[in-house]
Protein backbone atom coordinates (compact mmCIF):
# COMPACT_ATOMS: atom_id res chain seq x y z
CA MET A 1 -50.21 7.37 24.14
CA GLY A 2 -51.35 3.81 24.82
CA ASN A 3 -48.11 2.56 23.28
CA GLY A 4 -46.01 4.51 25.83
CA ARG A 5 -47.94 3.03 28.76
CA GLY A 6 -47.41 -0.47 27.39
CA ARG A 7 -43.65 0.10 27.22
CA ILE A 8 -43.57 1.49 30.75
CA ALA A 9 -45.59 -1.47 32.05
CA ALA A 10 -43.33 -3.93 30.23
CA ALA A 11 -40.19 -2.23 31.56
CA GLY A 12 -41.62 -2.30 35.09
CA ALA A 13 -42.50 -5.99 34.79
CA LEU A 14 -38.98 -6.80 33.56
CA ALA A 15 -37.44 -4.82 36.43
CA LEU A 16 -39.57 -6.70 38.98
CA LEU A 17 -38.74 -10.03 37.37
CA ALA A 18 -35.01 -9.25 37.45
CA LEU A 19 -35.22 -8.08 41.06
CA GLY A 20 -37.11 -11.22 42.06
CA CYS A 21 -34.46 -13.44 40.45
CA THR A 22 -31.59 -11.76 42.26
CA MET A 23 -33.24 -11.98 45.65
CA GLN A 24 -33.93 -15.73 45.63
CA PRO A 25 -32.27 -17.41 48.63
CA ARG A 26 -29.86 -20.25 47.90
CA ARG A 27 -31.22 -23.69 48.60
CA ALA A 28 -29.52 -25.51 51.47
CA ASP A 29 -28.44 -28.32 49.12
CA ALA A 30 -27.07 -25.96 46.44
CA PRO A 31 -23.33 -26.26 45.72
CA PRO A 32 -21.11 -23.42 46.99
CA PRO A 33 -20.42 -20.58 44.57
CA LEU A 34 -17.74 -21.47 42.05
CA ASN A 35 -15.28 -18.85 43.35
CA ALA A 36 -15.54 -20.19 46.91
CA SER A 37 -14.91 -23.77 45.83
CA ARG A 38 -12.01 -22.67 43.61
CA ALA A 39 -10.41 -20.75 46.49
CA ALA A 40 -10.92 -23.69 48.83
CA ARG A 41 -9.34 -26.05 46.28
CA GLU A 42 -6.37 -23.71 45.88
CA ALA A 43 -5.81 -23.47 49.65
CA GLN A 44 -6.18 -27.22 50.17
CA ILE A 45 -3.83 -28.24 47.35
CA ASN A 46 -1.22 -25.64 48.34
CA ALA A 47 -1.27 -26.94 51.92
CA GLN A 48 -0.82 -30.47 50.63
CA TRP A 49 1.83 -29.97 47.93
CA GLN A 50 4.01 -26.88 48.61
CA ASN A 51 7.70 -27.81 48.90
CA HIS A 52 7.09 -31.44 47.96
CA PRO A 53 9.29 -33.01 45.28
CA VAL A 54 7.75 -32.93 41.81
CA ARG A 55 8.36 -36.68 41.45
CA GLU A 56 5.85 -37.23 44.30
CA LEU A 57 3.28 -35.01 42.56
CA ILE A 58 3.69 -36.88 39.27
CA ALA A 59 3.53 -40.23 41.06
CA ARG A 60 0.16 -39.20 42.57
CA TRP A 61 -1.39 -37.06 39.79
CA GLY A 62 0.22 -38.72 36.77
CA PRO A 63 2.05 -36.90 34.01
CA PRO A 64 0.95 -33.31 33.40
CA ARG A 65 -0.96 -32.36 30.26
CA GLN A 66 1.61 -29.63 29.54
CA VAL A 67 4.97 -28.45 30.85
CA LEU A 68 5.62 -24.75 30.24
CA ASP A 69 8.74 -22.68 30.64
CA ILE A 70 8.32 -19.43 32.52
CA PRO A 71 9.48 -16.55 30.28
CA GLY A 72 12.89 -15.42 31.46
CA GLY A 73 13.12 -18.48 33.69
CA GLY A 74 11.06 -16.95 36.51
CA ASN A 75 12.25 -15.51 39.78
CA PRO A 76 13.23 -17.85 41.33
CA PRO A 77 13.82 -19.99 38.21
CA GLY A 78 11.25 -22.68 37.50
CA PHE A 79 8.56 -24.01 35.18
CA LEU A 80 4.84 -24.83 35.19
CA LEU A 81 2.94 -28.12 35.16
CA LEU A 82 -0.62 -27.99 33.82
CA TYR A 83 -3.16 -30.71 34.46
CA PRO A 84 -6.63 -31.16 32.92
CA ARG A 85 -9.57 -29.05 34.10
CA ASP A 86 -11.17 -30.21 37.36
CA ALA A 87 -14.82 -31.00 36.63
CA GLY A 88 -16.10 -29.85 40.03
CA THR A 89 -14.50 -26.41 40.17
CA GLY A 90 -13.54 -25.67 36.59
CA CYS A 91 -9.91 -25.21 37.69
CA VAL A 92 -7.09 -25.86 35.28
CA ASP A 93 -4.74 -27.30 37.90
CA THR A 94 -1.44 -25.45 37.54
CA PHE A 95 1.67 -26.03 39.64
CA SER A 96 4.69 -23.74 39.60
CA VAL A 97 7.88 -25.68 40.20
CA LEU A 98 11.30 -24.54 41.40
CA TYR A 99 14.45 -25.83 39.75
CA GLY A 100 17.08 -27.30 42.06
CA ALA A 101 18.90 -30.50 42.92
CA VAL A 102 15.37 -31.79 43.55
CA ALA A 103 12.61 -29.95 41.65
CA ARG A 104 9.95 -28.88 44.18
CA VAL A 105 6.39 -27.58 43.99
CA ARG A 106 6.44 -23.86 44.70
CA SER A 107 2.69 -23.28 44.56
CA TYR A 108 -0.61 -24.40 43.09
CA HIS A 109 -3.00 -22.12 41.24
CA CYS A 110 -6.55 -22.68 40.03
CA ARG A 111 -6.70 -21.12 36.57
């Protein structure tokens, strides 16, 4: 019987500990949640680079780490440029590019 009470007390203590951890307020100087900073990065880079020539992107960011074909060519046809992971957000910076007389950035995605 004493053993059952010990387990119940331990389970209750663990539940209170877990509840206390989840209810801690964020410090004012804490960085924003990763998802918020990733979404902000995606919005900012899209606003900056959509419809710009790829040559401008490469001139600013340097050569991509990888260039990938989109299976079936994509719709509209294009390819992907992958850059190294951003240390601040954890994003693998990925640009989709449209083929054309001048290859242009279609969109940026944080992956």
